[in-house]
Every structure is written in C-alpha cells, then in structure tokens.
C-alpha cells in the first residue's frame, strides 16, 4: 500500500492510498538503516532495487592556443581563450627555475586579482583565531559552523563571506593554471617549479555552453555517466496493523515513519465503522472520504478494496456475500 501526501487548496492534508506502504527511495546504506528500524518494531519490509543513470555533457575546445584563437575568433570562445593567454603571459612574468610553489602562487595572484589585497585584514584575523585553537586547523579545510561563527564575530558576516568567495575563486584559478603549466613545459619537484612555458601552449579548456552554441561554433563534447543504485523500501501492512503501539514509540524518536502510524490508525477507523454485518459497498462509500477536524482522507475504490483484502488476510474482518463483519 503506497501512501502519498498532498495538500488541497484549503491547505488541508489529503491522503491518497494505493497498494503497499511505500516508505521511500534510499541508497543502499540508508535503506539498511530503515529496514533495521522497522525490524526493531516487528515490521517486515520488501526491497526493490533499481539503477539510476545520469549523463552530463561537458563542452570544451582543445588544441594549440594560437590556432584555437583563430578558429573561434567569431565566437564567445575567443574571450575565454584571451583570458587563458593572459594567464600564460602573467605566469611567464613571475616564473623562474626553482621558484617555490607558494611564492609563484602569491605573485601571480597579486597580478591577476589585485582586489585580493582588500582581504588582507580578514586573512590575518582568521590566522589569529586559528592559532588560539589547541589543534592546528588549516584555512584550506572545510569550516565547521562554530569556527565560522567565531570568524563572523571577529570581522563581520559580509567580510567573511566575501573572503570565502575570493578564496574559492583564487583556488580555482590556481588549480586550473597548474594543470595547464604541467602540460606545457613546467616541471614540479620538491615544492619547486622548473622549466620554460611553451610559446604556443597546447590547451584543453572547458566552458559553459548550450547545445545550439556547440553546434554553431563546433565546440567539442564529452559525456560523463553516473550510475547509482536506488532501493525502494516497502513495509508489510499486516505487521503495521498489529504493531501500532511499537510504531507509535518509534515515531516519537523518528517522525519520518509517521505514515505507518497513520495507516494503522486508518485501519482502526475502518474497524470502527463495522457494526455487526455491514454492506460492503456502503462501507466503501463511507471510508472513501473521511473528514475529521483539519484532515481529509481520500481513498480510491481500488485502495479501499486492497485495505479490506489485507485486513481479511490478517483475520481482522470477514467478507462474505457482499457483507463485511469483524472476526471474533
């Protein structure tokens, strides 16, 4: 029985039920946790696995820089290539054999991003805060919430987030530049850089583009596939009916299982309408739409029939000759 939750225009909760109780779709690790939780309250589960494939398209140009600039001179790509060329020229101006990598990075960043000087005060404050901690923490690591709050208290939220954005921009630039330099004559050894950057570098540059732009300007494509295993978890409805009390305790700790408790309560409501022998069609009409306080419960005919079949299988009710009654 699948349980789906919707909202009406009046913002009342509406439940639409189909066969089996669907808990959710999870990765394998989380699915195992759900199964363990339900098993702990006596509810058996059914698992259904599927593969979810996603394909991402990456657009790029590749070749000698001078030729690429000529090939793409009438497109937006040439602006990107101009920036790459300028990066190479700046790298040549600060590069020399044996330069320390940190020195190279600082020198080139100061040239291509002079605005970084505006954050020198923030950087010094961050270093002072880090030095107060008993364990050394690198500003290159992901900041935890408490540490971030401490930085904000010292220099202000706007400056901190401005610095984080600037720092991220610098790291992206440096990582991409080192990738290009390694492919064009620069060697790295024991924290130093050696060699001479090629006059006409060979580059592979990724960029944002649309499919129409790729077609129009002959931009190349690469495809990257991601395949993940998903697990749909279903709960045994009969177990849910009989384990209402234990499920209620579980829901107090983990509200995500509330739909199971709702299902058990719904069955109790149906039982409450069975007084002696009741006409089956009449009961179905009565339980298809149940209103109580700020809730509306809407069930399809197929859903009601499936619930009743499950209740009969659990020996809660007996259905015979279009009549329904409670089992003694």
C-alpha atoms as a PDB file:
ATOM      1  CA  UNK A   1       0.000   0.000   0.000  1.00  0.00           C
ATOM      2  CA  UNK A   2       1.573   3.237  -1.124  1.00  0.00           C
ATOM      3  CA  UNK A   3       0.932   6.388   0.876  1.00  0.00           C
ATOM      4  CA  UNK A   4       1.184   9.733  -0.865  1.00  0.00           C
ATOM      5  CA  UNK A   5       0.608  13.088   0.784  1.00  0.00           C
ATOM      6  CA  UNK A   6      -0.910  16.107  -0.951  1.00  0.00           C
ATOM      7  CA  UNK A   7      -2.355  19.497   0.041  1.00  0.00           C
ATOM      8  CA  UNK A   8      -5.733  20.834  -1.039  1.00  0.00           C
ATOM      9  CA  UNK A   9      -6.388  24.468  -1.897  1.00  0.00           C
ATOM     10  CA  UNK A  10      -7.601  24.864   1.705  1.00  0.00           C
ATOM     11  CA  UNK A  11      -4.196  23.610   2.862  1.00  0.00           C
ATOM     12  CA  UNK A  12      -5.821  20.554   4.405  1.00  0.00           C
ATOM     13  CA  UNK A  13      -3.912  17.313   4.335  1.00  0.00           C
ATOM     14  CA  UNK A  14      -5.185  14.792   1.793  1.00  0.00           C
ATOM     15  CA  UNK A  15      -4.008  11.182   1.750  1.00  0.00           C
ATOM     16  CA  UNK A  16      -4.373   9.037  -1.362  1.00  0.00           C
ATOM     17  CA  UNK A  17      -3.738   5.354  -0.856  1.00  0.00           C
ATOM     18  CA  UNK A  18      -2.708   2.569  -3.210  1.00  0.00           C
ATOM     19  CA  UNK A  19      -1.367  -0.981  -2.572  1.00  0.00           C
ATOM     20  CA  UNK A  20       1.510  -1.498  -0.061  1.00  0.00           C
ATOM     21  CA  UNK A  21       3.032   1.064   2.264  1.00  0.00           C
ATOM     22  CA  UNK A  22       5.806   2.861   0.455  1.00  0.00           C
ATOM     23  CA  UNK A  23       8.422   4.215   2.865  1.00  0.00           C
ATOM     24  CA  UNK A  24      10.757   5.904   0.396  1.00  0.00           C
ATOM     25  CA  UNK A  25      13.676   5.553  -2.004  1.00  0.00           C
ATOM     26  CA  UNK A  26      17.163   5.396  -0.495  1.00  0.00           C
ATOM     27  CA  UNK A  27      20.746   4.479  -1.249  1.00  0.00           C
ATOM     28  CA  UNK A  28      21.790   1.043  -0.002  1.00  0.00           C
ATOM     29  CA  UNK A  29      23.252   2.283   3.276  1.00  0.00           C
ATOM     30  CA  UNK A  30      20.191   4.321   4.248  1.00  0.00           C
ATOM     31  CA  UNK A  31      17.844   1.538   3.120  1.00  0.00           C
ATOM     32  CA  UNK A  32      19.613  -0.842   5.513  1.00  0.00           C
ATOM     33  CA  UNK A  33      19.017   1.644   8.349  1.00  0.00           C
ATOM     34  CA  UNK A  34      15.301   1.860   7.517  1.00  0.00           C
ATOM     35  CA  UNK A  35      14.995  -1.931   7.421  1.00  0.00           C
ATOM     36  CA  UNK A  36      16.733  -2.160  10.792  1.00  0.00           C
ATOM     37  CA  UNK A  37      14.424   0.475  12.315  1.00  0.00           C
ATOM     38  CA  UNK A  38      11.289  -1.293  11.112  1.00  0.00           C
ATOM     39  CA  UNK A  39      12.549  -4.711  12.114  1.00  0.00           C
ATOM     40  CA  UNK A  40      13.085  -3.376  15.639  1.00  0.00           C
ATOM     41  CA  UNK A  41       9.320  -2.776  15.952  1.00  0.00           C
ATOM     42  CA  UNK A  42       8.280  -6.042  14.311  1.00  0.00           C
ATOM     43  CA  UNK A  43       7.590  -4.763  10.788  1.00  0.00           C
ATOM     44  CA  UNK A  44       8.873  -6.789   7.850  1.00  0.00           C
ATOM     45  CA  UNK A  45       9.992  -4.967   4.720  1.00  0.00           C
ATOM     46  CA  UNK A  46      10.203  -5.527   0.992  1.00  0.00           C
ATOM     47  CA  UNK A  47      13.050  -4.028  -1.037  1.00  0.00           C
ATOM     48  CA  UNK A  48      13.069  -3.243  -4.744  1.00  0.00           C
ATOM     49  CA  UNK A  49      16.311  -2.088  -6.326  1.00  0.00           C
ATOM     50  CA  UNK A  50      16.837  -0.060  -9.478  1.00  0.00           C
ATOM     51  CA  UNK A  51      19.692   1.719 -11.222  1.00  0.00           C
ATOM     52  CA  UNK A  52      19.522   5.474 -11.714  1.00  0.00           C
ATOM     53  CA  UNK A  53      21.702   6.708 -14.582  1.00  0.00           C
ATOM     54  CA  UNK A  54      22.583  10.344 -15.191  1.00  0.00           C
ATOM     55  CA  UNK A  55      24.585  11.670 -18.132  1.00  0.00           C
ATOM     56  CA  UNK A  56      26.307  15.057 -18.005  1.00  0.00           C
ATOM     57  CA  UNK A  57      27.626  16.856 -21.084  1.00  0.00           C
ATOM     58  CA  UNK A  58      30.867  18.831 -20.820  1.00  0.00           C
ATOM     59  CA  UNK A  59      31.810  21.308 -23.554  1.00  0.00           C
ATOM     60  CA  UNK A  60      35.436  22.123 -24.395  1.00  0.00           C
ATOM     61  CA  UNK A  61      37.949  23.193 -27.027  1.00  0.00           C
ATOM     62  CA  UNK A  62      41.376  21.604 -27.390  1.00  0.00           C
ATOM     63  CA  UNK A  63      44.491  22.381 -29.387  1.00  0.00           C
ATOM     64  CA  UNK A  64      47.320  24.894 -29.776  1.00  0.00           C
ATOM     65  CA  UNK A  65      46.278  28.231 -28.327  1.00  0.00           C
ATOM     66  CA  UNK A  66      47.079  30.378 -31.384  1.00  0.00           C
ATOM     67  CA  UNK A  67      45.176  28.063 -33.727  1.00  0.00           C
ATOM     68  CA  UNK A  68      42.189  27.913 -31.383  1.00  0.00           C
ATOM     69  CA  UNK A  69      42.046  31.706 -31.200  1.00  0.00           C
ATOM     70  CA  UNK A  70      41.912  31.852 -34.981  1.00  0.00           C
ATOM     71  CA  UNK A  71      39.349  29.047 -35.284  1.00  0.00           C
ATOM     72  CA  UNK A  72      36.997  30.611 -32.726  1.00  0.00           C
ATOM     73  CA  UNK A  73      37.647  34.302 -33.428  1.00  0.00           C
ATOM     74  CA  UNK A  74      33.991  34.905 -34.289  1.00  0.00           C
ATOM     75  CA  UNK A  75      32.541  33.270 -31.170  1.00  0.00           C
ATOM     76  CA  UNK A  76      32.332  33.818 -27.423  1.00  0.00           C
ATOM     77  CA  UNK A  77      35.073  31.186 -27.047  1.00  0.00           C
ATOM     78  CA  UNK A  78      37.773  33.665 -28.089  1.00  0.00           C
ATOM     79  CA  UNK A  79      37.152  35.712 -24.925  1.00  0.00           C
ATOM     80  CA  UNK A  80      37.862  32.644 -22.798  1.00  0.00           C
ATOM     81  CA  UNK A  81      40.995  31.907 -24.826  1.00  0.00           C
ATOM     82  CA  UNK A  82      42.170  35.519 -24.389  1.00  0.00           C
ATOM     83  CA  UNK A  83      41.952  35.048 -20.622  1.00  0.00           C
ATOM     84  CA  UNK A  84      43.944  31.807 -20.871  1.00  0.00           C
ATOM     85  CA  UNK A  85      46.593  33.530 -22.982  1.00  0.00           C
ATOM     86  CA  UNK A  86      46.841  36.376 -20.462  1.00  0.00           C
ATOM     87  CA  UNK A  87      47.273  33.835 -17.658  1.00  0.00           C
ATOM     88  CA  UNK A  88      50.189  32.238 -19.515  1.00  0.00           C
ATOM     89  CA  UNK A  89      51.783  35.655 -20.119  1.00  0.00           C
ATOM     90  CA  UNK A  90      51.478  36.565 -16.437  1.00  0.00           C
ATOM     91  CA  UNK A  91      52.868  33.179 -15.408  1.00  0.00           C
ATOM     92  CA  UNK A  92      55.913  33.774 -17.617  1.00  0.00           C
ATOM     93  CA  UNK A  93      56.500  37.132 -15.940  1.00  0.00           C
ATOM     94  CA  UNK A  94      56.811  35.601 -12.457  1.00  0.00           C
ATOM     95  CA  UNK A  95      58.204  32.175 -13.343  1.00  0.00           C
ATOM     96  CA  UNK A  96      61.857  31.264 -12.911  1.00  0.00           C
ATOM     97  CA  UNK A  97      63.697  27.989 -12.362  1.00  0.00           C
ATOM     98  CA  UNK A  98      63.428  26.807  -8.783  1.00  0.00           C
ATOM     99  CA  UNK A  99      60.713  29.180  -7.643  1.00  0.00           C
ATOM    100  CA  UNK A 100      58.827  27.931  -4.601  1.00  0.00           C
ATOM    101  CA  UNK A 101      55.245  26.984  -5.480  1.00  0.00           C
ATOM    102  CA  UNK A 102      53.695  29.209  -2.731  1.00  0.00           C
ATOM    103  CA  UNK A 103      55.793  32.170  -3.920  1.00  0.00           C
ATOM    104  CA  UNK A 104      54.707  31.610  -7.515  1.00  0.00           C
ATOM    105  CA  UNK A 105      51.062  31.420  -6.478  1.00  0.00           C
ATOM    106  CA  UNK A 106      51.187  34.575  -4.360  1.00  0.00           C
ATOM    107  CA  UNK A 107      52.991  36.557  -7.057  1.00  0.00           C
ATOM    108  CA  UNK A 108      50.653  35.599  -9.869  1.00  0.00           C
ATOM    109  CA  UNK A 109      47.501  36.032  -7.783  1.00  0.00           C
ATOM    110  CA  UNK A 110      48.599  39.536  -6.804  1.00  0.00           C
ATOM    111  CA  UNK A 111      48.897  40.367 -10.502  1.00  0.00           C
ATOM    112  CA  UNK A 112      45.692  38.798 -11.833  1.00  0.00           C
ATOM    113  CA  UNK A 113      43.490  39.525  -8.795  1.00  0.00           C
ATOM    114  CA  UNK A 114      44.701  42.775  -7.198  1.00  0.00           C
ATOM    115  CA  UNK A 115      41.397  43.031  -5.307  1.00  0.00           C
ATOM    116  CA  UNK A 116      42.596  40.238  -3.005  1.00  0.00           C
ATOM    117  CA  UNK A 117      44.581  42.875  -1.084  1.00  0.00           C
ATOM    118  CA  UNK A 118      41.261  44.100   0.319  1.00  0.00           C
ATOM    119  CA  UNK A 119      41.039  40.912   2.372  1.00  0.00           C
ATOM    120  CA  UNK A 120      44.499  41.017   3.984  1.00  0.00           C
ATOM    121  CA  UNK A 121      42.972  42.158   7.283  1.00  0.00           C
ATOM    122  CA  UNK A 122      40.387  39.372   7.224  1.00  0.00           C
ATOM    123  CA  UNK A 123      43.079  36.805   6.425  1.00  0.00           C
ATOM    124  CA  UNK A 124      45.224  37.945   9.354  1.00  0.00           C
ATOM    125  CA  UNK A 125      42.247  37.826  11.730  1.00  0.00           C
ATOM    126  CA  UNK A 126      41.418  34.285  10.611  1.00  0.00           C
ATOM    127  CA  UNK A 127      45.005  33.180  11.194  1.00  0.00           C
ATOM    128  CA  UNK A 128      44.942  34.708  14.689  1.00  0.00           C
ATOM    129  CA  UNK A 129      41.704  32.882  15.516  1.00  0.00           C
ATOM    130  CA  UNK A 130      43.109  29.584  14.238  1.00  0.00           C
ATOM    131  CA  UNK A 131      46.247  29.983  16.346  1.00  0.00           C
ATOM    132  CA  UNK A 132      44.098  30.096  19.501  1.00  0.00           C
ATOM    133  CA  UNK A 133      42.775  26.589  18.883  1.00  0.00           C
ATOM    134  CA  UNK A 134      44.624  23.726  20.612  1.00  0.00           C
ATOM    135  CA  UNK A 135      44.774  21.697  17.412  1.00  0.00           C
ATOM    136  CA  UNK A 136      46.130  23.327  14.249  1.00  0.00           C
ATOM    137  CA  UNK A 137      43.418  23.946  11.654  1.00  0.00           C
ATOM    138  CA  UNK A 138      44.143  24.853   8.052  1.00  0.00           C
ATOM    139  CA  UNK A 139      42.019  27.528   6.396  1.00  0.00           C
ATOM    140  CA  UNK A 140      42.054  25.228   3.365  1.00  0.00           C
ATOM    141  CA  UNK A 141      39.813  22.773   5.238  1.00  0.00           C
ATOM    142  CA  UNK A 142      36.042  22.996   5.236  1.00  0.00           C
ATOM    143  CA  UNK A 143      34.953  25.334   8.029  1.00  0.00           C
ATOM    144  CA  UNK A 144      32.679  23.937  10.720  1.00  0.00           C
ATOM    145  CA  UNK A 145      29.753  26.030  11.946  1.00  0.00           C
ATOM    146  CA  UNK A 146      31.264  27.046  15.296  1.00  0.00           C
ATOM    147  CA  UNK A 147      34.508  28.167  13.673  1.00  0.00           C
ATOM    148  CA  UNK A 148      32.634  30.128  11.015  1.00  0.00           C
ATOM    149  CA  UNK A 149      30.577  31.866  13.719  1.00  0.00           C
ATOM    150  CA  UNK A 150      33.800  32.797  15.509  1.00  0.00           C
ATOM    151  CA  UNK A 151      35.203  34.367  12.345  1.00  0.00           C
ATOM    152  CA  UNK A 152      31.946  36.290  11.780  1.00  0.00           C
ATOM    153  CA  UNK A 153      32.047  37.669  15.329  1.00  0.00           C
ATOM    154  CA  UNK A 154      35.582  38.939  14.739  1.00  0.00           C
ATOM    155  CA  UNK A 155      35.247  40.650  11.348  1.00  0.00           C
ATOM    156  CA  UNK A 156      31.569  40.621  10.353  1.00  0.00           C
ATOM    157  CA  UNK A 157      29.453  38.375   8.149  1.00  0.00           C
ATOM    158  CA  UNK A 158      29.801  40.384   4.918  1.00  0.00           C
ATOM    159  CA  UNK A 159      33.602  40.425   5.032  1.00  0.00           C
ATOM    160  CA  UNK A 160      33.850  36.728   5.920  1.00  0.00           C
ATOM    161  CA  UNK A 161      31.627  35.589   3.068  1.00  0.00           C
ATOM    162  CA  UNK A 162      33.376  37.991   0.713  1.00  0.00           C
ATOM    163  CA  UNK A 163      36.706  36.453   1.680  1.00  0.00           C
ATOM    164  CA  UNK A 164      35.368  32.898   1.278  1.00  0.00           C
ATOM    165  CA  UNK A 165      34.188  33.767  -2.245  1.00  0.00           C
ATOM    166  CA  UNK A 166      37.541  35.369  -3.083  1.00  0.00           C
ATOM    167  CA  UNK A 167      39.466  32.413  -1.652  1.00  0.00           C
ATOM    168  CA  UNK A 168      37.391  29.962  -3.708  1.00  0.00           C
ATOM    169  CA  UNK A 169      37.987  31.998  -6.880  1.00  0.00           C
ATOM    170  CA  UNK A 170      41.743  32.037  -6.241  1.00  0.00           C
ATOM    171  CA  UNK A 171      41.896  28.278  -5.619  1.00  0.00           C
ATOM    172  CA  UNK A 172      40.003  27.514  -8.827  1.00  0.00           C
ATOM    173  CA  UNK A 173      42.321  29.771 -10.831  1.00  0.00           C
ATOM    174  CA  UNK A 174      45.496  28.243  -9.335  1.00  0.00           C
ATOM    175  CA  UNK A 175      44.361  24.634  -9.775  1.00  0.00           C
ATOM    176  CA  UNK A 176      43.475  25.227 -13.438  1.00  0.00           C
ATOM    177  CA  UNK A 177      46.712  27.144 -14.076  1.00  0.00           C
ATOM    178  CA  UNK A 178      48.925  24.408 -12.623  1.00  0.00           C
ATOM    179  CA  UNK A 179      47.079  21.892 -14.809  1.00  0.00           C
ATOM    180  CA  UNK A 180      47.897  23.962 -17.910  1.00  0.00           C
ATOM    181  CA  UNK A 181      51.512  24.605 -16.894  1.00  0.00           C
ATOM    182  CA  UNK A 182      52.225  20.910 -16.286  1.00  0.00           C
ATOM    183  CA  UNK A 183      51.076  20.198 -19.835  1.00  0.00           C
ATOM    184  CA  UNK A 184      53.257  22.947 -21.303  1.00  0.00           C
ATOM    185  CA  UNK A 185      56.842  22.630 -20.157  1.00  0.00           C
ATOM    186  CA  UNK A 186      56.740  23.231 -16.393  1.00  0.00           C
ATOM    187  CA  UNK A 187      58.038  20.534 -14.039  1.00  0.00           C
ATOM    188  CA  UNK A 188      57.276  20.244 -10.323  1.00  0.00           C
ATOM    189  CA  UNK A 189      59.810  18.798  -7.905  1.00  0.00           C
ATOM    190  CA  UNK A 190      60.077  19.014  -4.105  1.00  0.00           C
ATOM    191  CA  UNK A 191      57.798  22.021  -3.820  1.00  0.00           C
ATOM    192  CA  UNK A 192      59.520  23.982  -6.601  1.00  0.00           C
ATOM    193  CA  UNK A 193      58.812  24.731 -10.261  1.00  0.00           C
ATOM    194  CA  UNK A 194      61.258  24.340 -13.155  1.00  0.00           C
ATOM    195  CA  UNK A 195      61.255  24.776 -16.919  1.00  0.00           C
ATOM    196  CA  UNK A 196      60.040  27.197 -19.546  1.00  0.00           C
ATOM    197  CA  UNK A 197      56.438  27.714 -20.579  1.00  0.00           C
ATOM    198  CA  UNK A 198      55.809  26.949 -24.259  1.00  0.00           C
ATOM    199  CA  UNK A 199      55.307  29.963 -26.521  1.00  0.00           C
ATOM    200  CA  UNK A 200      52.282  28.348 -28.168  1.00  0.00           C
ATOM    201  CA  UNK A 201      50.762  26.229 -25.392  1.00  0.00           C
ATOM    202  CA  UNK A 202      48.536  23.234 -26.005  1.00  0.00           C
ATOM    203  CA  UNK A 203      45.350  23.649 -24.011  1.00  0.00           C
ATOM    204  CA  UNK A 204      42.088  21.913 -23.244  1.00  0.00           C
ATOM    205  CA  UNK A 205      39.564  24.409 -21.920  1.00  0.00           C
ATOM    206  CA  UNK A 206      36.131  23.520 -20.528  1.00  0.00           C
ATOM    207  CA  UNK A 207      33.331  26.068 -20.692  1.00  0.00           C
ATOM    208  CA  UNK A 208      29.634  26.670 -20.194  1.00  0.00           C
ATOM    209  CA  UNK A 209      27.756  26.334 -23.469  1.00  0.00           C
ATOM    210  CA  UNK A 210      24.392  25.371 -24.880  1.00  0.00           C
ATOM    211  CA  UNK A 211      23.842  22.593 -27.388  1.00  0.00           C
ATOM    212  CA  UNK A 212      22.963  25.197 -30.022  1.00  0.00           C
ATOM    213  CA  UNK A 213      26.230  27.061 -29.367  1.00  0.00           C
ATOM    214  CA  UNK A 214      28.183  23.808 -29.563  1.00  0.00           C
ATOM    215  CA  UNK A 215      26.619  23.051 -32.938  1.00  0.00           C
ATOM    216  CA  UNK A 216      27.071  26.581 -34.280  1.00  0.00           C
ATOM    217  CA  UNK A 217      30.716  27.034 -33.266  1.00  0.00           C
ATOM    218  CA  UNK A 218      31.870  23.404 -33.478  1.00  0.00           C
ATOM    219  CA  UNK A 219      32.626  23.104 -29.770  1.00  0.00           C
ATOM    220  CA  UNK A 220      33.598  19.610 -28.701  1.00  0.00           C
ATOM    221  CA  UNK A 221      31.695  17.489 -26.189  1.00  0.00           C
ATOM    222  CA  UNK A 222      32.484  14.901 -23.562  1.00  0.00           C
ATOM    223  CA  UNK A 223      29.902  12.755 -21.813  1.00  0.00           C
ATOM    224  CA  UNK A 224      30.184  11.666 -18.202  1.00  0.00           C
ATOM    225  CA  UNK A 225      27.875   9.000 -16.809  1.00  0.00           C
ATOM    226  CA  UNK A 226      26.884   8.499 -13.187  1.00  0.00           C
ATOM    227  CA  UNK A 227      25.118   5.289 -12.206  1.00  0.00           C
ATOM    228  CA  UNK A 228      23.682   4.904  -8.733  1.00  0.00           C
ATOM    229  CA  UNK A 229      21.704   2.116  -7.113  1.00  0.00           C
ATOM    230  CA  UNK A 230      18.404   3.139  -5.562  1.00  0.00           C
ATOM    231  CA  UNK A 231      16.374   0.996  -3.187  1.00  0.00           C
ATOM    232  CA  UNK A 232      12.602   1.369  -2.742  1.00  0.00           C
ATOM    233  CA  UNK A 233      11.524   0.262   0.734  1.00  0.00           C
ATOM    234  CA  UNK A 234       8.012  -1.033   1.445  1.00  0.00           C
ATOM    235  CA  UNK A 235       6.538  -2.034   4.804  1.00  0.00           C
ATOM    236  CA  UNK A 236       4.332  -5.080   5.388  1.00  0.00           C
ATOM    237  CA  UNK A 237       0.873  -3.676   6.081  1.00  0.00           C
ATOM    238  CA  UNK A 238      -0.272  -6.566   8.270  1.00  0.00           C
ATOM    239  CA  UNK A 239       2.699  -6.027  10.566  1.00  0.00           C
ATOM    240  CA  UNK A 240       1.879  -2.329  10.707  1.00  0.00           C
ATOM    241  CA  UNK A 241      -1.709  -3.089  11.728  1.00  0.00           C
ATOM    242  CA  UNK A 242      -0.632  -5.302  14.620  1.00  0.00           C
ATOM    243  CA  UNK A 243       2.323  -3.210  15.815  1.00  0.00           C
ATOM    244  CA  UNK A 244       0.611   0.171  16.222  1.00  0.00           C
ATOM    245  CA  UNK A 245       1.880   0.708  19.759  1.00  0.00           C
ATOM    246  CA  UNK A 246       5.520  -0.047  18.919  1.00  0.00           C
ATOM    247  CA  UNK A 247       5.346   2.058  15.758  1.00  0.00           C
ATOM    248  CA  UNK A 248       3.952   4.933  17.820  1.00  0.00           C
ATOM    249  CA  UNK A 249       7.024   4.770  20.070  1.00  0.00           C
ATOM    250  CA  UNK A 250       9.306   4.679  17.017  1.00  0.00           C
ATOM    251  CA  UNK A 251       7.583   7.755  15.549  1.00  0.00           C
ATOM    252  CA  UNK A 252       8.327   9.747  18.697  1.00  0.00           C
ATOM    253  CA  UNK A 253      12.034   9.234  18.024  1.00  0.00           C
ATOM    254  CA  UNK A 254      11.877   9.263  14.233  1.00  0.00           C
ATOM    255  CA  UNK A 255       8.918  11.250  12.817  1.00  0.00           C
ATOM    256  CA  UNK A 256       9.745  10.133   9.276  1.00  0.00           C
ATOM    257  CA  UNK A 257       7.821   6.906   9.993  1.00  0.00           C
ATOM    258  CA  UNK A 258       4.568   8.727  10.854  1.00  0.00           C
ATOM    259  CA  UNK A 259       2.894   7.457   7.670  1.00  0.00           C
ATOM    260  CA  UNK A 260       2.997   3.934   9.139  1.00  0.00           C
ATOM    261  CA  UNK A 261       1.233   5.091  12.281  1.00  0.00           C
ATOM    262  CA  UNK A 262      -1.327   6.869  10.156  1.00  0.00           C
ATOM    263  CA  UNK A 263      -2.022   3.657   8.257  1.00  0.00           C
ATOM    264  CA  UNK A 264      -2.632   1.723  11.470  1.00  0.00           C
ATOM    265  CA  UNK A 265      -4.973   4.450  12.745  1.00  0.00           C
ATOM    266  CA  UNK A 266      -6.807   4.433   9.411  1.00  0.00           C
ATOM    267  CA  UNK A 267      -7.465   0.696   9.771  1.00  0.00           C
ATOM    268  CA  UNK A 268      -8.820   1.327  13.274  1.00  0.00           C
ATOM    269  CA  UNK A 269     -11.212   3.909  11.843  1.00  0.00           C
ATOM    270  CA  UNK A 270     -12.461   1.396   9.286  1.00  0.00           C
ATOM    271  CA  UNK A 271     -12.961  -1.171  12.056  1.00  0.00           C
ATOM    272  CA  UNK A 272     -14.949   1.417  13.987  1.00  0.00           C
ATOM    273  CA  UNK A 273     -17.453   1.616  11.133  1.00  0.00           C
ATOM    274  CA  UNK A 274     -18.078  -2.130  11.058  1.00  0.00           C
ATOM    275  CA  UNK A 275     -21.053  -2.700  13.370  1.00  0.00           C
ATOM    276  CA  UNK A 276     -22.340  -6.239  13.028  1.00  0.00           C
ATOM    277  CA  UNK A 277     -22.856  -7.133   9.369  1.00  0.00           C
ATOM    278  CA  UNK A 278     -22.287  -4.133   7.130  1.00  0.00           C
ATOM    279  CA  UNK A 279     -22.984  -3.833   3.417  1.00  0.00           C
ATOM    280  CA  UNK A 280     -19.615  -3.886   1.625  1.00  0.00           C
ATOM    281  CA  UNK A 281     -20.489  -1.228  -0.948  1.00  0.00           C
ATOM    282  CA  UNK A 282     -21.926   1.025   1.759  1.00  0.00           C
ATOM    283  CA  UNK A 283     -18.729   0.731   3.824  1.00  0.00           C
ATOM    284  CA  UNK A 284     -16.574   1.511   0.808  1.00  0.00           C
ATOM    285  CA  UNK A 285     -18.628   4.654   0.149  1.00  0.00           C
ATOM    286  CA  UNK A 286     -18.266   5.728   3.776  1.00  0.00           C
ATOM    287  CA  UNK A 287     -14.493   5.294   4.021  1.00  0.00           C
ATOM    288  CA  UNK A 288     -13.539   6.702   0.634  1.00  0.00           C
ATOM    289  CA  UNK A 289     -13.860  10.219   2.078  1.00  0.00           C
ATOM    290  CA  UNK A 290     -13.277  10.645   5.795  1.00  0.00           C
ATOM    291  CA  UNK A 291     -13.254  14.099   7.353  1.00  0.00           C
ATOM    292  CA  UNK A 292     -12.029  14.746  10.865  1.00  0.00           C
ATOM    293  CA  UNK A 293     -11.041  18.131  12.285  1.00  0.00           C
ATOM    294  CA  UNK A 294      -8.445  19.579   9.860  1.00  0.00           C
ATOM    295  CA  UNK A 295      -7.807  16.354   7.946  1.00  0.00           C
ATOM    296  CA  UNK A 296      -9.413  14.935   4.834  1.00  0.00           C
ATOM    297  CA  UNK A 297      -8.748  11.310   3.899  1.00  0.00           C
ATOM    298  CA  UNK A 298      -9.448  10.472   0.266  1.00  0.00           C
ATOM    299  CA  UNK A 299      -9.113   6.855  -0.886  1.00  0.00           C
ATOM    300  CA  UNK A 300      -9.700   5.368  -4.314  1.00  0.00           C
ATOM    301  CA  UNK A 301     -12.040   2.367  -4.656  1.00  0.00           C
ATOM    302  CA  UNK A 302      -9.066   0.164  -5.533  1.00  0.00           C
ATOM    303  CA  UNK A 303      -7.233   1.393  -2.449  1.00  0.00           C
ATOM    304  CA  UNK A 304     -10.162   0.600  -0.134  1.00  0.00           C
ATOM    305  CA  UNK A 305     -10.512  -2.867  -1.647  1.00  0.00           C
ATOM    306  CA  UNK A 306      -6.806  -3.551  -1.109  1.00  0.00           C
ATOM    307  CA  UNK A 307      -7.010  -2.400   2.517  1.00  0.00           C
ATOM    308  CA  UNK A 308     -10.003  -4.652   3.128  1.00  0.00           C
ATOM    309  CA  UNK A 309      -8.257  -7.615   1.472  1.00  0.00           C
ATOM    310  CA  UNK A 310      -5.253  -7.102   3.721  1.00  0.00           C
ATOM    311  CA  UNK A 311      -7.478  -6.848   6.809  1.00  0.00           C
ATOM    312  CA  UNK A 312      -9.233 -10.059   5.787  1.00  0.00           C
ATOM    313  CA  UNK A 313      -5.896 -11.801   5.288  1.00  0.00           C
ATOM    314  CA  UNK A 314      -4.900 -10.637   8.768  1.00  0.00           C
ATOM    315  CA  UNK A 315      -8.162 -12.220  10.038  1.00  0.00           C
ATOM    316  CA  UNK A 316      -9.432  -8.897  11.340  1.00  0.00           C
ATOM    317  CA  UNK A 317     -12.577  -8.948   9.189  1.00  0.00           C
ATOM    318  CA  UNK A 318     -14.578 -11.461   7.189  1.00  0.00           C
ATOM    319  CA  UNK A 319     -16.163 -10.666   3.832  1.00  0.00           C
ATOM    320  CA  UNK A 320     -18.939 -12.892   2.501  1.00  0.00           C
ATOM    321  CA  UNK A 321     -21.838 -12.304   0.109  1.00  0.00           C
ATOM    322  CA  UNK A 322     -21.101  -8.581  -0.157  1.00  0.00           C
ATOM    323  CA  UNK A 323     -21.257  -8.287   3.625  1.00  0.00           C
ATOM    324  CA  UNK A 324     -18.409  -7.405   5.961  1.00  0.00           C
ATOM    325  CA  UNK A 325     -18.112  -8.245   9.656  1.00  0.00           C
ATOM    326  CA  UNK A 326     -15.454  -8.343  12.358  1.00  0.00           C
ATOM    327  CA  UNK A 327     -13.953 -11.702  13.232  1.00  0.00           C
ATOM    328  CA  UNK A 328     -14.429 -12.727  16.824  1.00  0.00           C
END
